[in-house]
PDB file of N, CA and C in Angstrom:
ATOM      1  N   MET A   1      15.131 -31.741   3.987  1.00  0.00           N
ATOM      2  CA  MET A   1      14.562 -31.482   4.985  1.00  0.00           C
ATOM      3  C   MET A   1      15.623 -30.201   5.560  1.00  0.00           C
ATOM      4  N   THR A   2      16.674 -30.448   4.861  1.00  0.00           N
ATOM      5  CA  THR A   2      17.460 -28.976   5.231  1.00  0.00           C
ATOM      6  C   THR A   2      17.086 -27.640   4.576  1.00  0.00           C
ATOM      7  N   GLU A   3      16.463 -28.489   3.136  1.00  0.00           N
ATOM      8  CA  GLU A   3      16.122 -27.238   2.208  1.00  0.00           C
ATOM      9  C   GLU A   3      15.002 -26.382   3.100  1.00  0.00           C
ATOM     10  N   TYR A   4      14.044 -27.096   3.876  1.00  0.00           N
ATOM     11  CA  TYR A   4      13.227 -26.578   4.532  1.00  0.00           C
ATOM     12  C   TYR A   4      13.468 -25.564   5.691  1.00  0.00           C
ATOM     13  N   LEU A   5      14.641 -26.192   6.596  1.00  0.00           N
ATOM     14  CA  LEU A   5      15.536 -25.060   7.247  1.00  0.00           C
ATOM     15  C   LEU A   5      16.091 -24.450   6.729  1.00  0.00           C
ATOM     16  N   ASN A   6      16.308 -24.066   5.884  1.00  0.00           N
ATOM     17  CA  ASN A   6      17.199 -23.366   5.146  1.00  0.00           C
ATOM     18  C   ASN A   6      16.100 -21.564   4.962  1.00  0.00           C
ATOM     19  N   ILE A   7      15.161 -22.033   4.223  1.00  0.00           N
ATOM     20  CA  ILE A   7      13.692 -21.452   4.050  1.00  0.00           C
ATOM     21  C   ILE A   7      13.219 -20.788   5.291  1.00  0.00           C
ATOM     22  N   PHE A   8      13.177 -21.626   6.388  1.00  0.00           N
ATOM     23  CA  PHE A   8      12.862 -21.025   7.580  1.00  0.00           C
ATOM     24  C   PHE A   8      13.460 -20.463   8.573  1.00  0.00           C
ATOM     25  N   VAL A   9      14.919 -20.407   8.402  1.00  0.00           N
ATOM     26  CA  VAL A   9      16.142 -19.645   8.988  1.00  0.00           C
ATOM     27  C   VAL A   9      15.619 -18.374   8.185  1.00  0.00           C
ATOM     28  N   TYR A  10      16.008 -18.321   7.026  1.00  0.00           N
ATOM     29  CA  TYR A  10      15.647 -17.196   6.148  1.00  0.00           C
ATOM     30  C   TYR A  10      14.932 -16.127   6.104  1.00  0.00           C
ATOM     31  N   LEU A  11      13.584 -16.505   6.752  1.00  0.00           N
ATOM     32  CA  LEU A  11      11.969 -16.212   6.935  1.00  0.00           C
ATOM     33  C   LEU A  11      12.249 -15.846   8.131  1.00  0.00           C
ATOM     34  N   LEU A  12      12.603 -16.432   8.862  1.00  0.00           N
ATOM     35  CA  LEU A  12      12.953 -15.982  10.384  1.00  0.00           C
ATOM     36  C   LEU A  12      13.862 -14.514  10.774  1.00  0.00           C
ATOM     37  N   ILE A  13      15.111 -15.124   9.878  1.00  0.00           N
ATOM     38  CA  ILE A  13      15.985 -13.814   9.514  1.00  0.00           C
ATOM     39  C   ILE A  13      15.691 -12.222   9.320  1.00  0.00           C
ATOM     40  N   CYS A  14      14.636 -12.436   8.832  1.00  0.00           N
ATOM     41  CA  CYS A  14      13.585 -11.529   7.846  1.00  0.00           C
ATOM     42  C   CYS A  14      12.875 -10.651   8.860  1.00  0.00           C
ATOM     43  N   ALA A  15      11.867 -12.059   9.276  1.00  0.00           N
ATOM     44  CA  ALA A  15      11.010 -11.434  10.263  1.00  0.00           C
ATOM     45  C   ALA A  15      11.769 -10.428  11.389  1.00  0.00           C
ATOM     46  N   LEU A  16      13.247 -10.834  12.164  1.00  0.00           N
ATOM     47  CA  LEU A  16      13.836 -10.492  13.380  1.00  0.00           C
ATOM     48  C   LEU A  16      13.925  -8.911  12.580  1.00  0.00           C
ATOM     49  N   ILE A  17      14.891  -9.174  11.612  1.00  0.00           N
ATOM     50  CA  ILE A  17      15.177  -7.850  10.797  1.00  0.00           C
ATOM     51  C   ILE A  17      14.099  -6.656  10.677  1.00  0.00           C
ATOM     52  N   SER A  18      12.889  -6.740  10.481  1.00  0.00           N
ATOM     53  CA  SER A  18      12.081  -5.878   9.956  1.00  0.00           C
ATOM     54  C   SER A  18      11.414  -5.192  11.446  1.00  0.00           C
ATOM     55  N   ILE A  19      11.159  -6.821  12.503  1.00  0.00           N
ATOM     56  CA  ILE A  19      10.704  -5.557  13.852  1.00  0.00           C
ATOM     57  C   ILE A  19      11.835  -4.965  14.616  1.00  0.00           C
ATOM     58  N   ILE A  20      13.049  -5.306  14.066  1.00  0.00           N
ATOM     59  CA  ILE A  20      14.463  -4.430  14.667  1.00  0.00           C
ATOM     60  C   ILE A  20      14.470  -3.215  14.213  1.00  0.00           C
ATOM     61  N   ILE A  21      13.912  -3.118  13.158  1.00  0.00           N
ATOM     62  CA  ILE A  21      14.407  -2.205  12.271  1.00  0.00           C
ATOM     63  C   ILE A  21      12.850  -0.814  12.575  1.00  0.00           C
ATOM     64  N   PHE A  22      11.581  -1.750  13.142  1.00  0.00           N
ATOM     65  CA  PHE A  22      10.469  -1.158  13.326  1.00  0.00           C
ATOM     66  C   PHE A  22      10.706  -0.788  14.686  1.00  0.00           C
ATOM     67  N   VAL A  23      10.948  -1.407  15.808  1.00  0.00           N
ATOM     68  CA  VAL A  23      10.986  -0.628  16.854  1.00  0.00           C
ATOM     69  C   VAL A  23      12.522   0.306  17.299  1.00  0.00           C
ATOM     70  N   LEU A  24      12.783   0.145  16.406  1.00  0.00           N
ATOM     71  CA  LEU A  24      14.355   1.333  16.231  1.00  0.00           C
ATOM     72  C   LEU A  24      13.713   2.417  15.621  1.00  0.00           C
ATOM     73  N   SER A  25      13.190   2.728  15.026  1.00  0.00           N
ATOM     74  CA  SER A  25      12.237   3.694  14.177  1.00  0.00           C
ATOM     75  C   SER A  25      11.111   3.864  15.087  1.00  0.00           C
ATOM     76  N   TYR A  26      10.509   3.115  16.010  1.00  0.00           N
ATOM     77  CA  TYR A  26       9.785   4.245  16.436  1.00  0.00           C
ATOM     78  C   TYR A  26      10.248   4.371  17.791  1.00  0.00           C
ATOM     79  N   ILE A  27      11.443   4.577  18.751  1.00  0.00           N
ATOM     80  CA  ILE A  27      12.430   4.753  19.274  1.00  0.00           C
ATOM     81  C   ILE A  27      12.828   5.601  19.351  1.00  0.00           C
ATOM     82  N   PHE A  28      13.722   6.128  18.364  1.00  0.00           N
ATOM     83  CA  PHE A  28      14.629   7.055  17.865  1.00  0.00           C
ATOM     84  C   PHE A  28      14.397   8.319  17.020  1.00  0.00           C
ATOM     85  N   VAL A  29      12.628   7.872  16.831  1.00  0.00           N
ATOM     86  CA  VAL A  29      12.016   9.034  16.017  1.00  0.00           C
ATOM     87  C   VAL A  29      11.365  10.191  16.883  1.00  0.00           C
ATOM     88  N   TYR A  30      11.554  11.613  16.546  1.00  0.00           N
ATOM     89  CA  TYR A  30      10.883  12.457  17.451  1.00  0.00           C
ATOM     90  C   TYR A  30       9.566  12.618  17.436  1.00  0.00           C
ATOM     91  N   GLN A  31       8.649  11.860  18.117  1.00  0.00           N
ATOM     92  CA  GLN A  31       6.733  11.945  17.952  1.00  0.00           C
ATOM     93  C   GLN A  31       6.347  12.994  17.848  1.00  0.00           C
ATOM     94  N   MET A  32       6.375  14.211  17.471  1.00  0.00           N
ATOM     95  CA  MET A  32       4.512  15.261  18.596  1.00  0.00           C
ATOM     96  C   MET A  32       3.879  15.593  17.005  1.00  0.00           C
ATOM     97  N   SER A  33       2.753  14.946  17.757  1.00  0.00           N
ATOM     98  CA  SER A  33       1.470  15.184  16.518  1.00  0.00           C
ATOM     99  C   SER A  33       1.085  16.624  17.514  1.00  0.00           C
ATOM    100  N   ASP A  34       0.660  17.650  16.051  1.00  0.00           N
ATOM    101  CA  ASP A  34      -0.569  18.427  16.213  1.00  0.00           C
ATOM    102  C   ASP A  34      -1.866  18.331  16.233  1.00  0.00           C
ATOM    103  N   ALA A  35      -2.352  20.059  16.173  1.00  0.00           N
ATOM    104  CA  ALA A  35      -3.782  19.656  15.589  1.00  0.00           C
ATOM    105  C   ALA A  35      -3.712  19.568  13.737  1.00  0.00           C
ATOM    106  N   GLU A  36      -2.857  20.296  13.426  1.00  0.00           N
ATOM    107  CA  GLU A  36      -2.970  20.486  11.927  1.00  0.00           C
ATOM    108  C   GLU A  36      -2.561  19.064  11.342  1.00  0.00           C
ATOM    109  N   LYS A  37      -1.487  18.543  11.743  1.00  0.00           N
ATOM    110  CA  LYS A  37      -1.187  17.099  11.341  1.00  0.00           C
ATOM    111  C   LYS A  37      -2.385  16.275  11.191  1.00  0.00           C
ATOM    112  N   ALA A  38      -2.987  16.441  12.568  1.00  0.00           N
ATOM    113  CA  ALA A  38      -3.886  15.198  12.802  1.00  0.00           C
ATOM    114  C   ALA A  38      -5.187  15.571  12.382  1.00  0.00           C
ATOM    115  N   SER A  39      -5.271  16.820  11.556  1.00  0.00           N
ATOM    116  CA  SER A  39      -6.651  17.066  10.920  1.00  0.00           C
ATOM    117  C   SER A  39      -6.796  15.992   9.778  1.00  0.00           C
ATOM    118  N   ALA A  40      -8.291  16.016   9.166  1.00  0.00           N
ATOM    119  CA  ALA A  40      -8.233  14.615   8.496  1.00  0.00           C
ATOM    120  C   ALA A  40      -7.794  15.280   7.023  1.00  0.00           C
ATOM    121  N   TYR A  41      -7.774  16.310   6.830  1.00  0.00           N
ATOM    122  CA  TYR A  41      -6.989  16.935   5.500  1.00  0.00           C
ATOM    123  C   TYR A  41      -6.273  17.750   5.490  1.00  0.00           C
ATOM    124  N   GLU A  42      -5.245  17.561   5.032  1.00  0.00           N
ATOM    125  CA  GLU A  42      -3.483  18.174   5.697  1.00  0.00           C
ATOM    126  C   GLU A  42      -3.026  18.714   4.346  1.00  0.00           C
ATOM    127  N   CYS A  43      -3.985  18.989   3.337  1.00  0.00           N
ATOM    128  CA  CYS A  43      -3.296  19.628   2.038  1.00  0.00           C
ATOM    129  C   CYS A  43      -4.045  21.117   2.087  1.00  0.00           C
ATOM    130  N   GLY A  44      -5.378  21.318   3.255  1.00  0.00           N
ATOM    131  CA  GLY A  44      -5.688  22.915   3.271  1.00  0.00           C
ATOM    132  C   GLY A  44      -6.456  23.090   2.985  1.00  0.00           C
ATOM    133  N   PHE A  45      -7.189  21.965   2.118  1.00  0.00           N
ATOM    134  CA  PHE A  45      -8.636  22.274   1.496  1.00  0.00           C
ATOM    135  C   PHE A  45      -9.605  21.834   2.293  1.00  0.00           C
ATOM    136  N   SER A  46     -10.774  22.559   2.488  1.00  0.00           N
ATOM    137  CA  SER A  46     -11.916  22.208   2.787  1.00  0.00           C
ATOM    138  C   SER A  46     -12.250  21.291   1.942  1.00  0.00           C
ATOM    139  N   PRO A  47     -13.133  20.017   2.621  1.00  0.00           N
ATOM    140  CA  PRO A  47     -13.809  18.962   1.594  1.00  0.00           C
ATOM    141  C   PRO A  47     -15.052  19.598   0.883  1.00  0.00           C
ATOM    142  N   PHE A  48     -15.413  19.469  -0.541  1.00  0.00           N
ATOM    143  CA  PHE A  48     -15.720  19.828  -0.830  1.00  0.00           C
ATOM    144  C   PHE A  48     -17.454  19.132  -1.210  1.00  0.00           C
ATOM    145  N   GLY A  49     -17.394  18.140  -0.734  1.00  0.00           N
ATOM    146  CA  GLY A  49     -18.922  17.116  -1.668  1.00  0.00           C
ATOM    147  C   GLY A  49     -18.354  16.259  -0.288  1.00  0.00           C
ATOM    148  N   ASP A  50     -19.231  14.770  -0.935  1.00  0.00           N
ATOM    149  CA  ASP A  50     -19.081  13.617   0.063  1.00  0.00           C
ATOM    150  C   ASP A  50     -18.577  12.586  -0.422  1.00  0.00           C
ATOM    151  N   ALA A  51     -17.293  12.389   0.472  1.00  0.00           N
ATOM    152  CA  ALA A  51     -16.980  11.080  -0.228  1.00  0.00           C
ATOM    153  C   ALA A  51     -17.067  10.049  -1.238  1.00  0.00           C
ATOM    154  N   ARG A  52     -18.454   9.742  -0.843  1.00  0.00           N
ATOM    155  CA  ARG A  52     -19.247   8.465  -1.116  1.00  0.00           C
ATOM    156  C   ARG A  52     -20.273   8.551  -1.863  1.00  0.00           C
ATOM    157  N   SER A  53     -20.004   9.859  -2.888  1.00  0.00           N
ATOM    158  CA  SER A  53     -20.760  10.100  -4.272  1.00  0.00           C
ATOM    159  C   SER A  53     -20.649   8.832  -4.982  1.00  0.00           C
ATOM    160  N   LYS A  54     -21.719   8.420  -6.112  1.00  0.00           N
ATOM    161  CA  LYS A  54     -21.844   7.703  -7.100  1.00  0.00           C
ATOM    162  C   LYS A  54     -20.990   8.015  -8.481  1.00  0.00           C
ATOM    163  N   PHE A  55     -20.252   6.790  -8.605  1.00  0.00           N
ATOM    164  CA  PHE A  55     -19.567   7.360 -10.087  1.00  0.00           C
ATOM    165  C   PHE A  55     -20.223   6.662 -11.060  1.00  0.00           C
ATOM    166  N   GLU A  56     -20.411   7.254 -12.077  1.00  0.00           N
ATOM    167  CA  GLU A  56     -20.895   7.049 -13.445  1.00  0.00           C
ATOM    168  C   GLU A  56     -20.278   4.877 -14.053  1.00  0.00           C
ATOM    169  N   ILE A  57     -21.055   4.884 -14.427  1.00  0.00           N
ATOM    170  CA  ILE A  57     -20.055   3.350 -14.979  1.00  0.00           C
ATOM    171  C   ILE A  57     -19.375   3.331 -16.030  1.00  0.00           C
ATOM    172  N   ARG A  58     -19.103   4.464 -17.009  1.00  0.00           N
ATOM    173  CA  ARG A  58     -17.682   4.433 -17.960  1.00  0.00           C
ATOM    174  C   ARG A  58     -16.618   4.670 -17.035  1.00  0.00           C
ATOM    175  N   PHE A  59     -16.465   4.512 -15.960  1.00  0.00           N
ATOM    176  CA  PHE A  59     -15.345   4.370 -15.284  1.00  0.00           C
ATOM    177  C   PHE A  59     -15.213   3.107 -14.808  1.00  0.00           C
ATOM    178  N   TYR A  60     -16.111   2.199 -14.546  1.00  0.00           N
ATOM    179  CA  TYR A  60     -15.903   0.819 -14.134  1.00  0.00           C
ATOM    180  C   TYR A  60     -15.955   0.145 -15.590  1.00  0.00           C
ATOM    181  N   LEU A  61     -15.791   1.113 -16.816  1.00  0.00           N
ATOM    182  CA  LEU A  61     -16.086   0.346 -17.601  1.00  0.00           C
ATOM    183  C   LEU A  61     -14.632  -0.426 -18.540  1.00  0.00           C
ATOM    184  N   VAL A  62     -14.292   1.416 -18.532  1.00  0.00           N
ATOM    185  CA  VAL A  62     -12.828   2.073 -19.026  1.00  0.00           C
ATOM    186  C   VAL A  62     -12.095   1.143 -17.985  1.00  0.00           C
ATOM    187  N   ALA A  63     -12.226   0.822 -16.752  1.00  0.00           N
ATOM    188  CA  ALA A  63     -11.013  -0.105 -16.105  1.00  0.00           C
ATOM    189  C   ALA A  63     -10.634  -1.519 -16.251  1.00  0.00           C
ATOM    190  N   ILE A  64     -12.406  -1.928 -16.844  1.00  0.00           N
ATOM    191  CA  ILE A  64     -12.501  -3.180 -16.767  1.00  0.00           C
ATOM    192  C   ILE A  64     -11.490  -3.844 -18.684  1.00  0.00           C
ATOM    193  N   LEU A  65     -11.943  -3.196 -19.129  1.00  0.00           N
ATOM    194  CA  LEU A  65     -11.433  -2.227 -21.096  1.00  0.00           C
ATOM    195  C   LEU A  65     -10.070  -2.440 -20.514  1.00  0.00           C
ATOM    196  N   PHE A  66      -9.356  -2.013 -19.908  1.00  0.00           N
ATOM    197  CA  PHE A  66      -7.671  -1.961 -19.644  1.00  0.00           C
ATOM    198  C   PHE A  66      -7.400  -3.050 -19.197  1.00  0.00           C
ATOM    199  N   ILE A  67      -8.234  -3.459 -18.540  1.00  0.00           N
ATOM    200  CA  ILE A  67      -7.356  -4.680 -17.189  1.00  0.00           C
ATOM    201  C   ILE A  67      -7.558  -5.696 -19.251  1.00  0.00           C
ATOM    202  N   VAL A  68      -8.976  -5.686 -19.563  1.00  0.00           N
ATOM    203  CA  VAL A  68      -8.541  -6.608 -20.463  1.00  0.00           C
ATOM    204  C   VAL A  68      -7.730  -7.156 -22.062  1.00  0.00           C
ATOM    205  N   PHE A  69      -7.371  -5.522 -22.336  1.00  0.00           N
ATOM    206  CA  PHE A  69      -6.344  -5.416 -23.332  1.00  0.00           C
ATOM    207  C   PHE A  69      -4.892  -5.601 -22.748  1.00  0.00           C
ATOM    208  N   ASP A  70      -5.133  -5.226 -21.702  1.00  0.00           N
ATOM    209  CA  ASP A  70      -3.746  -5.225 -21.311  1.00  0.00           C
ATOM    210  C   ASP A  70      -3.884  -6.455 -20.714  1.00  0.00           C
ATOM    211  N   LEU A  71      -4.228  -7.800 -20.212  1.00  0.00           N
ATOM    212  CA  LEU A  71      -3.747  -9.113 -20.449  1.00  0.00           C
ATOM    213  C   LEU A  71      -3.718  -9.517 -21.252  1.00  0.00           C
ATOM    214  N   GLU A  72      -4.888  -9.054 -22.708  1.00  0.00           N
ATOM    215  CA  GLU A  72      -4.627  -9.456 -24.024  1.00  0.00           C
ATOM    216  C   GLU A  72      -2.557  -9.106 -24.561  1.00  0.00           C
ATOM    217  N   ILE A  73      -2.481  -7.828 -24.062  1.00  0.00           N
ATOM    218  CA  ILE A  73      -1.439  -8.077 -24.519  1.00  0.00           C
ATOM    219  C   ILE A  73      -0.335  -9.001 -23.869  1.00  0.00           C
ATOM    220  N   MET A  74       0.063  -9.085 -22.860  1.00  0.00           N
ATOM    221  CA  MET A  74       0.816  -9.474 -22.217  1.00  0.00           C
ATOM    222  C   MET A  74       0.660 -10.928 -22.373  1.00  0.00           C
ATOM    223  N   PHE A  75      -0.310 -11.899 -22.901  1.00  0.00           N
ATOM    224  CA  PHE A  75      -0.629 -13.029 -23.476  1.00  0.00           C
ATOM    225  C   PHE A  75       0.121 -12.861 -25.285  1.00  0.00           C
ATOM    226  N   LEU A  76       0.000 -11.649 -25.455  1.00  0.00           N
ATOM    227  CA  LEU A  76       1.067 -11.620 -27.189  1.00  0.00           C
ATOM    228  C   LEU A  76       2.326 -12.142 -26.765  1.00  0.00           C
ATOM    229  N   PHE A  77       3.180 -11.100 -25.852  1.00  0.00           N
ATOM    230  CA  PHE A  77       4.397 -11.511 -25.982  1.00  0.00           C
ATOM    231  C   PHE A  77       4.861 -12.831 -25.408  1.00  0.00           C
ATOM    232  N   PRO A  78       5.483 -13.718 -25.625  1.00  0.00           N
ATOM    233  CA  PRO A  78       5.651 -15.439 -24.921  1.00  0.00           C
ATOM    234  C   PRO A  78       6.997 -15.001 -23.984  1.00  0.00           C
TER     235      PRO A  78
END
């Protein structure tokens, strides 16, 4: 039971440190929003097409082949 208590205490300390860091960064950072920063495109380019355009099937096939060959190479090395 003491092993689990140590893990629980460790997780509790990690959660507390994370919450404290988040709260301190929210308190001490100067937050000012302007119209330029709140805009959807910060980079300065106007959108030139629909974001929901269809991709060609070749992109999906290349991604699947990359994953398959990546896994095969991983299993080659013990």
